[in-house]
Amino acid sequence: MKRMGKAYIEGEVIGVYYGTKTLLLTCLATMLVGSALHFLYSSVPGAVNALVSPVNESLWEHVKIVFWPYLLAAVWLNRGRPGGIHPWLLALPLMCLVMLLLGYLYHITLGGEAMWVDIAIYVLVMVLGFWLPTQFSGPFQGIKWMLPVAAVLVLGILLAVFTLWPPKHILFVDLSSASAWFQIPC
């Protein structure tokens, strides 16, 4: 059994526990949903699909395949567990940041184009996201645990806004053309 949220109150252990099998299956399902989301907009273009699926091959757009499936998994894993979602919401912006940093390092700095590296980065980020919240212990109450909620809300809003109005920045450049990293204005 994997544990999370272990807290002691008057000698009694209370907390949020996740079975290893549950975590592994949920992580795998989350990665599959994210992979499916990657192709959703190109298969069925539309405004709603654009909000949850990458509309191009920019680094920023690929944050969506981490954000939405992981948020759904966190809600599902923590149903009926008040406060249990807070460490998952703390991990989510960190995962998105790691995805952007590793993508930037690989594609922009190193000029990489191998799909297997993108897949490896995605799997690494998702596994990190399912491991990190299990390292916290509760109770997850108080104002400090509202900060992850606010960060996820801001990130969700930024995903929507930058889908509609992407700024002229390197994170938003479509990298789908061959050798695109040579053409990117810095």
Protein backbone atom coordinates (compact mmCIF):
# COMPACT_ATOMS: atom_id res chain seq x y z
CA MET A 1 0.00 0.00 0.00
CA LYS A 2 1.19 3.48 -0.83
CA ARG A 3 0.27 6.05 1.75
CA MET A 4 -0.40 9.71 1.72
CA GLY A 5 -1.63 12.22 4.20
CA LYS A 6 -0.60 10.39 7.35
CA ALA A 7 -1.53 12.48 10.38
CA TYR A 8 -1.81 11.65 14.05
CA ILE A 9 -4.58 13.04 16.20
CA GLU A 10 -4.74 11.75 19.79
CA GLY A 11 -2.79 8.62 18.88
CA GLU A 12 -5.12 7.75 16.00
CA VAL A 13 -3.82 7.61 12.45
CA ILE A 14 -5.95 9.50 9.99
CA GLY A 15 -5.05 10.28 6.44
CA VAL A 16 -5.49 9.57 2.80
CA TYR A 17 -4.20 6.27 1.50
CA TYR A 18 -3.83 5.08 -2.08
CA GLY A 19 -3.14 1.52 -3.07
CA THR A 20 -0.12 1.00 -5.29
CA LYS A 21 -2.25 -0.79 -7.85
CA THR A 22 -4.76 2.07 -7.88
CA LEU A 23 -2.00 4.65 -8.37
CA LEU A 24 -0.33 2.68 -11.16
CA LEU A 25 -3.57 2.02 -13.03
CA THR A 26 -4.71 5.61 -12.64
CA CYS A 27 -1.31 6.89 -13.82
CA LEU A 28 -1.45 4.63 -16.87
CA ALA A 29 -5.04 5.63 -17.66
CA THR A 30 -4.11 9.30 -17.25
CA MET A 31 -1.23 8.94 -19.69
CA LEU A 32 -3.53 7.22 -22.20
CA VAL A 33 -6.14 9.98 -21.88
CA GLY A 34 -3.40 12.59 -22.38
CA SER A 35 -2.16 10.75 -25.45
CA ALA A 36 -5.68 10.66 -26.85
CA LEU A 37 -6.10 14.38 -26.13
CA HIS A 38 -3.00 15.06 -28.18
CA PHE A 39 -4.89 14.00 -31.31
CA LEU A 40 -8.38 15.21 -30.38
CA TYR A 41 -8.24 18.68 -31.94
CA SER A 42 -6.68 17.49 -35.18
CA SER A 43 -9.39 14.81 -35.47
CA VAL A 44 -12.36 16.89 -34.31
CA PRO A 45 -11.57 20.63 -34.49
CA GLY A 46 -13.75 22.86 -32.40
CA ALA A 47 -13.66 25.52 -29.72
CA VAL A 48 -14.25 23.16 -26.79
CA ASN A 49 -11.68 20.67 -28.05
CA ALA A 50 -9.17 23.49 -28.52
CA LEU A 51 -9.40 24.28 -24.81
CA VAL A 52 -8.43 20.75 -23.74
CA SER A 53 -6.31 19.53 -26.66
CA PRO A 54 -3.18 20.94 -28.30
CA VAL A 55 -4.07 22.98 -31.39
CA ASN A 56 -0.47 22.92 -32.62
CA GLU A 57 2.92 21.50 -31.69
CA SER A 58 4.06 24.34 -29.44
CA LEU A 59 5.55 23.61 -26.05
CA TRP A 60 2.77 25.53 -24.32
CA GLU A 61 -0.03 23.64 -26.05
CA HIS A 62 1.42 20.35 -24.80
CA VAL A 63 0.85 21.44 -21.22
CA LYS A 64 -2.82 20.59 -21.88
CA ILE A 65 -2.06 16.86 -22.18
CA VAL A 66 -0.63 17.01 -18.66
CA PHE A 67 -3.03 19.48 -17.08
CA TRP A 68 -6.50 18.17 -17.97
CA PRO A 69 -5.98 14.40 -17.57
CA TYR A 70 -4.03 14.85 -14.34
CA LEU A 71 -6.65 17.19 -12.90
CA LEU A 72 -9.34 14.63 -13.75
CA ALA A 73 -7.29 11.84 -12.14
CA ALA A 74 -6.68 13.92 -9.01
CA VAL A 75 -10.39 14.62 -8.64
CA TRP A 76 -11.21 10.95 -9.17
CA LEU A 77 -8.58 9.68 -6.71
CA ASN A 78 -9.69 12.11 -4.02
CA ARG A 79 -13.45 11.81 -4.26
CA GLY A 80 -14.83 11.72 -0.74
CA ARG A 81 -11.49 12.78 0.75
CA PRO A 82 -11.79 16.39 1.92
CA GLY A 83 -8.50 18.21 1.47
CA GLY A 84 -6.82 15.17 -0.08
CA ILE A 85 -6.63 16.83 -3.49
CA HIS A 86 -4.46 19.72 -2.28
CA PRO A 87 -1.06 17.94 -2.68
CA TRP A 88 -2.17 16.84 -6.16
CA LEU A 89 -2.99 20.45 -7.02
CA LEU A 90 0.42 21.45 -5.71
CA ALA A 91 2.07 18.88 -8.00
CA LEU A 92 0.11 19.92 -11.10
CA PRO A 93 1.70 23.35 -11.76
CA LEU A 94 5.10 21.85 -10.96
CA MET A 95 4.49 19.10 -13.53
CA CYS A 96 3.52 21.67 -16.15
CA LEU A 97 6.65 23.68 -15.37
CA VAL A 98 8.87 20.59 -15.64
CA MET A 99 7.17 19.68 -18.94
CA LEU A 100 7.89 23.18 -20.31
CA LEU A 101 11.48 23.22 -19.03
CA LEU A 102 12.38 19.78 -20.36
CA GLY A 103 10.63 20.52 -23.67
CA TYR A 104 12.49 23.80 -23.95
CA LEU A 105 15.81 22.16 -23.13
CA TYR A 106 15.28 19.36 -25.63
CA HIS A 107 13.63 21.18 -28.52
CA ILE A 108 14.95 24.74 -28.29
CA THR A 109 18.34 24.40 -26.62
CA LEU A 110 19.41 21.03 -28.03
CA GLY A 111 17.34 21.12 -31.21
CA GLY A 112 15.95 17.65 -30.67
CA GLU A 113 13.13 16.26 -32.80
CA ALA A 114 12.83 12.59 -31.78
CA MET A 115 9.30 11.61 -30.82
CA TRP A 116 10.50 8.94 -28.37
CA VAL A 117 12.15 11.68 -26.28
CA ASP A 118 8.87 13.62 -26.16
CA ILE A 119 7.10 10.47 -25.03
CA ALA A 120 9.77 9.79 -22.41
CA ILE A 121 9.45 13.36 -21.08
CA TYR A 122 5.67 12.96 -20.90
CA VAL A 123 5.91 9.63 -19.05
CA LEU A 124 8.55 11.04 -16.67
CA VAL A 125 6.41 14.07 -15.87
CA MET A 126 3.31 11.95 -15.27
CA VAL A 127 5.13 9.46 -13.05
CA LEU A 128 6.58 12.38 -11.08
CA GLY A 129 3.06 13.75 -10.71
CA PHE A 130 1.75 10.53 -9.24
CA TRP A 131 4.72 10.07 -6.92
CA LEU A 132 5.10 13.61 -5.53
CA PRO A 133 1.69 13.94 -3.80
CA THR A 134 2.27 10.68 -1.93
CA GLN A 135 5.26 12.28 -0.20
CA PHE A 136 3.15 14.82 1.70
CA SER A 137 1.47 14.18 4.99
CA GLY A 138 -1.69 15.91 6.14
CA PRO A 139 -3.89 17.32 7.32
CA PHE A 140 -4.13 19.50 4.23
CA GLN A 141 -6.04 22.40 5.73
CA GLY A 142 -5.46 26.08 6.16
CA ILE A 143 -4.73 29.02 3.91
CA LYS A 144 -1.39 27.66 2.67
CA TRP A 145 -3.24 24.74 1.02
CA MET A 146 -5.44 27.19 -0.88
CA LEU A 147 -2.40 28.42 -2.81
CA PRO A 148 -2.21 25.26 -4.97
CA VAL A 149 -5.92 25.66 -5.74
CA ALA A 150 -5.30 29.25 -6.84
CA ALA A 151 -2.26 28.22 -8.91
CA VAL A 152 -4.27 25.57 -10.76
CA LEU A 153 -7.10 28.03 -11.41
CA VAL A 154 -4.65 30.60 -12.80
CA LEU A 155 -2.95 27.95 -14.95
CA GLY A 156 -6.33 26.78 -16.30
CA ILE A 157 -7.25 30.36 -17.18
CA LEU A 158 -3.87 30.91 -18.86
CA LEU A 159 -4.35 27.73 -20.90
CA ALA A 160 -7.69 29.06 -22.15
CA VAL A 161 -6.49 32.62 -22.80
CA PHE A 162 -3.29 31.56 -24.57
CA THR A 163 -5.21 29.08 -26.70
CA LEU A 164 -7.34 31.93 -28.00
CA TRP A 165 -4.64 34.61 -28.07
CA PRO A 166 -1.15 33.08 -28.06
CA PRO A 167 1.58 35.64 -27.45
CA LYS A 168 4.56 35.97 -29.73
CA HIS A 169 6.95 34.01 -27.54
CA ILE A 170 9.12 31.00 -28.13
CA LEU A 171 6.91 28.76 -25.95
CA PHE A 172 3.99 29.34 -28.34
CA VAL A 173 5.79 28.71 -31.65
CA ASP A 174 4.57 25.69 -33.61
CA LEU A 175 7.49 23.24 -33.73
CA SER A 176 5.86 20.80 -36.14
CA SER A 177 7.92 21.69 -39.20
CA ALA A 178 11.20 19.84 -39.66
CA SER A 179 14.19 21.64 -38.20
CA ALA A 180 11.85 24.23 -36.71
CA TRP A 181 14.34 25.10 -34.02
CA PHE A 182 16.57 26.78 -36.59
CA GLN A 183 13.71 29.12 -37.56
CA ILE A 184 12.57 30.16 -34.09
CA PRO A 185 13.12 33.84 -33.27
CA CYS A 186 14.52 34.20 -29.75
